[in-house]
């Protein structure tokens, strides 16, 4: 979510800058030294990684996803009985439709948010719902525990390779 918010703020800043650049007949002023263009060779006053334009200079080899891959895979496996509606690995969101677990009679749906690269319980946010409303805390905790256990199993299996 932070990455999307940063992009929205950058877009608003660009639009405001474009509108203010139209000017209303005011005389041009000299730019302060801290507005120097970081793309000009020899300019070492500013860091090019800290400019608005650095948002658009992303290289494909530098894309960093802040989602734990073990929690992501474990969530998809544990909630595999639910039909997946939306999956976004860049924001860490999985949204499912209603489905019944094997051997169960009650339909559930889930929304999962994985917002940290650490394999930690704080990285996993689960909202579980039945057709009658939110489920009990014990049911939700049991599903979270199943996801975390499976994620740890996947990590252990990955280290054995």
C-alpha atoms as a PDB file:
ATOM      1  CA  UNK A   1       0.000   0.000   0.000  1.00  0.00           C
ATOM      2  CA  UNK A   2       2.868   2.330   0.736  1.00  0.00           C
ATOM      3  CA  UNK A   3       4.216   1.945  -2.780  1.00  0.00           C
ATOM      4  CA  UNK A   4       0.821   2.803  -4.300  1.00  0.00           C
ATOM      5  CA  UNK A   5       0.467   5.808  -2.001  1.00  0.00           C
ATOM      6  CA  UNK A   6       3.950   7.038  -2.980  1.00  0.00           C
ATOM      7  CA  UNK A   7       3.027   6.786  -6.656  1.00  0.00           C
ATOM      8  CA  UNK A   8      -0.201   8.727  -6.069  1.00  0.00           C
ATOM      9  CA  UNK A   9       1.671  11.454  -4.191  1.00  0.00           C
ATOM     10  CA  UNK A  10       4.247  11.620  -6.978  1.00  0.00           C
ATOM     11  CA  UNK A  11       1.508  11.945  -9.602  1.00  0.00           C
ATOM     12  CA  UNK A  12      -0.172  14.734  -7.652  1.00  0.00           C
ATOM     13  CA  UNK A  13       3.157  16.531  -7.251  1.00  0.00           C
ATOM     14  CA  UNK A  14       3.816  16.297 -10.989  1.00  0.00           C
ATOM     15  CA  UNK A  15       0.342  17.633 -11.811  1.00  0.00           C
ATOM     16  CA  UNK A  16       0.713  20.518  -9.352  1.00  0.00           C
ATOM     17  CA  UNK A  17       4.135  21.292 -10.759  1.00  0.00           C
ATOM     18  CA  UNK A  18       2.767  21.306 -14.291  1.00  0.00           C
ATOM     19  CA  UNK A  19      -0.063  23.651 -13.397  1.00  0.00           C
ATOM     20  CA  UNK A  20       2.220  26.031 -11.514  1.00  0.00           C
ATOM     21  CA  UNK A  21       4.690  25.983 -14.403  1.00  0.00           C
ATOM     22  CA  UNK A  22       2.049  27.560 -16.636  1.00  0.00           C
ATOM     23  CA  UNK A  23       2.664  30.805 -14.805  1.00  0.00           C
ATOM     24  CA  UNK A  24       0.456  33.821 -14.760  1.00  0.00           C
ATOM     25  CA  UNK A  25       2.819  36.260 -16.393  1.00  0.00           C
ATOM     26  CA  UNK A  26       5.205  36.423 -13.456  1.00  0.00           C
ATOM     27  CA  UNK A  27       8.848  37.041 -14.305  1.00  0.00           C
ATOM     28  CA  UNK A  28      11.101  33.973 -14.289  1.00  0.00           C
ATOM     29  CA  UNK A  29      13.135  33.511 -11.157  1.00  0.00           C
ATOM     30  CA  UNK A  30      16.484  31.863 -10.708  1.00  0.00           C
ATOM     31  CA  UNK A  31      16.334  28.346  -9.291  1.00  0.00           C
ATOM     32  CA  UNK A  32      17.937  27.726  -5.915  1.00  0.00           C
ATOM     33  CA  UNK A  33      21.040  25.534  -5.838  1.00  0.00           C
ATOM     34  CA  UNK A  34      19.176  22.554  -4.378  1.00  0.00           C
ATOM     35  CA  UNK A  35      16.994  22.289  -7.518  1.00  0.00           C
ATOM     36  CA  UNK A  36      19.917  21.218  -9.666  1.00  0.00           C
ATOM     37  CA  UNK A  37      19.229  18.443 -12.125  1.00  0.00           C
ATOM     38  CA  UNK A  38      20.812  15.208 -10.853  1.00  0.00           C
ATOM     39  CA  UNK A  39      20.932  13.826 -14.399  1.00  0.00           C
ATOM     40  CA  UNK A  40      23.518  16.366 -15.551  1.00  0.00           C
ATOM     41  CA  UNK A  41      27.005  14.800 -15.461  1.00  0.00           C
ATOM     42  CA  UNK A  42      29.189  16.272 -12.766  1.00  0.00           C
ATOM     43  CA  UNK A  43      26.312  17.371 -10.525  1.00  0.00           C
ATOM     44  CA  UNK A  44      27.026  15.796  -7.155  1.00  0.00           C
ATOM     45  CA  UNK A  45      24.868  18.090  -5.004  1.00  0.00           C
ATOM     46  CA  UNK A  46      21.826  15.806  -5.037  1.00  0.00           C
ATOM     47  CA  UNK A  47      21.266  12.078  -4.935  1.00  0.00           C
ATOM     48  CA  UNK A  48      19.481  10.885  -8.122  1.00  0.00           C
ATOM     49  CA  UNK A  49      17.794   8.085  -6.163  1.00  0.00           C
ATOM     50  CA  UNK A  50      15.868  10.640  -4.084  1.00  0.00           C
ATOM     51  CA  UNK A  51      14.096  12.571  -6.825  1.00  0.00           C
ATOM     52  CA  UNK A  52      10.565  12.318  -8.157  1.00  0.00           C
ATOM     53  CA  UNK A  53      11.968  11.123 -11.461  1.00  0.00           C
ATOM     54  CA  UNK A  54      13.577   8.090  -9.823  1.00  0.00           C
ATOM     55  CA  UNK A  55      10.067   6.581  -9.568  1.00  0.00           C
ATOM     56  CA  UNK A  56       9.997   6.314 -13.350  1.00  0.00           C
ATOM     57  CA  UNK A  57      13.569   5.028 -13.730  1.00  0.00           C
ATOM     58  CA  UNK A  58      12.882   1.590 -12.255  1.00  0.00           C
ATOM     59  CA  UNK A  59      14.866  -1.113 -13.944  1.00  0.00           C
ATOM     60  CA  UNK A  60      13.319  -4.550 -14.250  1.00  0.00           C
ATOM     61  CA  UNK A  61      16.271  -6.167 -12.474  1.00  0.00           C
ATOM     62  CA  UNK A  62      15.801  -3.870  -9.462  1.00  0.00           C
ATOM     63  CA  UNK A  63      12.167  -4.669  -8.701  1.00  0.00           C
ATOM     64  CA  UNK A  64      11.854  -5.612  -5.053  1.00  0.00           C
ATOM     65  CA  UNK A  65       8.734  -7.301  -3.758  1.00  0.00           C
ATOM     66  CA  UNK A  66       8.251  -6.946  -0.015  1.00  0.00           C
ATOM     67  CA  UNK A  67       6.161 -10.104   0.359  1.00  0.00           C
ATOM     68  CA  UNK A  68       7.391 -13.243   2.066  1.00  0.00           C
ATOM     69  CA  UNK A  69       7.313 -15.994  -0.553  1.00  0.00           C
ATOM     70  CA  UNK A  70       6.735 -18.748   2.003  1.00  0.00           C
ATOM     71  CA  UNK A  71       3.724 -17.011   3.531  1.00  0.00           C
ATOM     72  CA  UNK A  72       2.416 -16.302   0.042  1.00  0.00           C
ATOM     73  CA  UNK A  73       2.690 -19.934  -1.088  1.00  0.00           C
ATOM     74  CA  UNK A  74       1.363 -21.288   2.210  1.00  0.00           C
ATOM     75  CA  UNK A  75      -1.666 -18.980   2.044  1.00  0.00           C
ATOM     76  CA  UNK A  76      -2.522 -20.193  -1.439  1.00  0.00           C
ATOM     77  CA  UNK A  77      -2.079 -23.839  -0.376  1.00  0.00           C
ATOM     78  CA  UNK A  78      -4.036 -23.682   2.879  1.00  0.00           C
ATOM     79  CA  UNK A  79      -6.848 -21.672   1.301  1.00  0.00           C
ATOM     80  CA  UNK A  80      -6.744 -23.764  -1.873  1.00  0.00           C
ATOM     81  CA  UNK A  81     -10.363 -24.880  -1.431  1.00  0.00           C
ATOM     82  CA  UNK A  82     -11.514 -21.274  -1.894  1.00  0.00           C
ATOM     83  CA  UNK A  83     -11.880 -19.829  -5.409  1.00  0.00           C
ATOM     84  CA  UNK A  84      -9.310 -17.090  -5.929  1.00  0.00           C
ATOM     85  CA  UNK A  85     -10.799 -13.801  -7.142  1.00  0.00           C
ATOM     86  CA  UNK A  86      -7.869 -11.403  -6.961  1.00  0.00           C
ATOM     87  CA  UNK A  87      -4.156 -11.987  -6.516  1.00  0.00           C
ATOM     88  CA  UNK A  88      -1.577  -9.210  -6.390  1.00  0.00           C
ATOM     89  CA  UNK A  89       1.922 -10.370  -5.412  1.00  0.00           C
ATOM     90  CA  UNK A  90       3.293  -6.813  -5.530  1.00  0.00           C
ATOM     91  CA  UNK A  91       1.011  -5.590  -2.753  1.00  0.00           C
ATOM     92  CA  UNK A  92       0.660  -8.963  -1.031  1.00  0.00           C
ATOM     93  CA  UNK A  93      -3.126  -9.212  -1.317  1.00  0.00           C
ATOM     94  CA  UNK A  94      -5.110 -12.404  -1.940  1.00  0.00           C
ATOM     95  CA  UNK A  95      -8.905 -12.145  -2.142  1.00  0.00           C
ATOM     96  CA  UNK A  96     -11.012 -15.295  -2.409  1.00  0.00           C
ATOM     97  CA  UNK A  97     -14.659 -16.007  -3.010  1.00  0.00           C
ATOM     98  CA  UNK A  98     -16.916 -18.233  -0.942  1.00  0.00           C
ATOM     99  CA  UNK A  99     -16.063 -21.913  -0.727  1.00  0.00           C
ATOM    100  CA  UNK A 100     -16.599 -24.802   1.662  1.00  0.00           C
ATOM    101  CA  UNK A 101     -13.647 -26.641   3.213  1.00  0.00           C
ATOM    102  CA  UNK A 102     -13.370 -30.395   2.615  1.00  0.00           C
ATOM    103  CA  UNK A 103     -15.651 -32.152   5.076  1.00  0.00           C
ATOM    104  CA  UNK A 104     -17.281 -28.891   6.188  1.00  0.00           C
ATOM    105  CA  UNK A 105     -20.720 -27.495   5.552  1.00  0.00           C
ATOM    106  CA  UNK A 106     -20.140 -23.796   6.141  1.00  0.00           C
ATOM    107  CA  UNK A 107     -18.958 -21.494   3.335  1.00  0.00           C
ATOM    108  CA  UNK A 108     -16.084 -19.107   3.985  1.00  0.00           C
ATOM    109  CA  UNK A 109     -14.212 -16.417   2.122  1.00  0.00           C
ATOM    110  CA  UNK A 110     -10.870 -14.859   2.994  1.00  0.00           C
ATOM    111  CA  UNK A 111      -8.771 -11.791   2.380  1.00  0.00           C
ATOM    112  CA  UNK A 112      -5.064 -12.157   3.065  1.00  0.00           C
ATOM    113  CA  UNK A 113      -2.533  -9.342   3.310  1.00  0.00           C
ATOM    114  CA  UNK A 114       1.163 -10.158   3.576  1.00  0.00           C
ATOM    115  CA  UNK A 115       2.898  -6.867   4.223  1.00  0.00           C
ATOM    116  CA  UNK A 116       6.409  -7.749   5.324  1.00  0.00           C
ATOM    117  CA  UNK A 117       9.258  -9.842   3.907  1.00  0.00           C
ATOM    118  CA  UNK A 118       9.823 -11.522   7.291  1.00  0.00           C
ATOM    119  CA  UNK A 119       8.488 -14.985   8.018  1.00  0.00           C
ATOM    120  CA  UNK A 120       6.636 -13.755  11.068  1.00  0.00           C
ATOM    121  CA  UNK A 121       3.078 -13.783  12.392  1.00  0.00           C
ATOM    122  CA  UNK A 122       3.003  -9.972  12.197  1.00  0.00           C
ATOM    123  CA  UNK A 123       3.523 -10.208   8.436  1.00  0.00           C
ATOM    124  CA  UNK A 124       0.281 -12.134   7.937  1.00  0.00           C
ATOM    125  CA  UNK A 125      -3.112 -10.413   8.166  1.00  0.00           C
ATOM    126  CA  UNK A 126      -6.149 -12.611   7.577  1.00  0.00           C
ATOM    127  CA  UNK A 127      -9.797 -11.589   7.413  1.00  0.00           C
ATOM    128  CA  UNK A 128     -12.020 -14.663   7.356  1.00  0.00           C
ATOM    129  CA  UNK A 129     -15.760 -14.352   6.813  1.00  0.00           C
ATOM    130  CA  UNK A 130     -18.730 -16.693   6.534  1.00  0.00           C
ATOM    131  CA  UNK A 131     -22.008 -15.923   4.815  1.00  0.00           C
ATOM    132  CA  UNK A 132     -23.377 -14.896   8.209  1.00  0.00           C
ATOM    133  CA  UNK A 133     -20.585 -12.408   8.937  1.00  0.00           C
ATOM    134  CA  UNK A 134     -17.148 -12.542  10.557  1.00  0.00           C
ATOM    135  CA  UNK A 135     -16.034 -15.870  12.009  1.00  0.00           C
ATOM    136  CA  UNK A 136     -14.927 -16.439  15.571  1.00  0.00           C
ATOM    137  CA  UNK A 137     -11.442 -15.420  16.631  1.00  0.00           C
ATOM    138  CA  UNK A 138     -10.584 -19.067  17.320  1.00  0.00           C
ATOM    139  CA  UNK A 139     -11.430 -20.102  13.743  1.00  0.00           C
ATOM    140  CA  UNK A 140      -9.464 -17.241  12.276  1.00  0.00           C
ATOM    141  CA  UNK A 141      -6.496 -18.006  14.556  1.00  0.00           C
ATOM    142  CA  UNK A 142      -6.602 -21.690  13.540  1.00  0.00           C
ATOM    143  CA  UNK A 143      -6.376 -20.761   9.845  1.00  0.00           C
ATOM    144  CA  UNK A 144      -3.541 -18.299  10.555  1.00  0.00           C
ATOM    145  CA  UNK A 145      -1.688 -21.010  12.495  1.00  0.00           C
ATOM    146  CA  UNK A 146      -2.137 -23.437   9.605  1.00  0.00           C
ATOM    147  CA  UNK A 147      -0.714 -20.876   7.155  1.00  0.00           C
ATOM    148  CA  UNK A 148       2.243 -20.071   9.421  1.00  0.00           C
ATOM    149  CA  UNK A 149       2.996 -23.776  10.011  1.00  0.00           C
ATOM    150  CA  UNK A 150       2.912 -24.520   6.291  1.00  0.00           C
ATOM    151  CA  UNK A 151       5.142 -21.494   5.584  1.00  0.00           C
ATOM    152  CA  UNK A 152       7.719 -22.771   8.075  1.00  0.00           C
ATOM    153  CA  UNK A 153       7.577 -26.229   6.472  1.00  0.00           C
ATOM    154  CA  UNK A 154       8.186 -24.699   3.050  1.00  0.00           C
ATOM    155  CA  UNK A 155      11.149 -22.703   4.358  1.00  0.00           C
ATOM    156  CA  UNK A 156      12.692 -25.762   6.002  1.00  0.00           C
ATOM    157  CA  UNK A 157      12.222 -27.788   2.809  1.00  0.00           C
ATOM    158  CA  UNK A 158      13.780 -24.938   0.785  1.00  0.00           C
ATOM    159  CA  UNK A 159      16.895 -24.889   2.992  1.00  0.00           C
ATOM    160  CA  UNK A 160      17.432 -28.631   2.517  1.00  0.00           C
ATOM    161  CA  UNK A 161      18.004 -28.173  -1.204  1.00  0.00           C
END
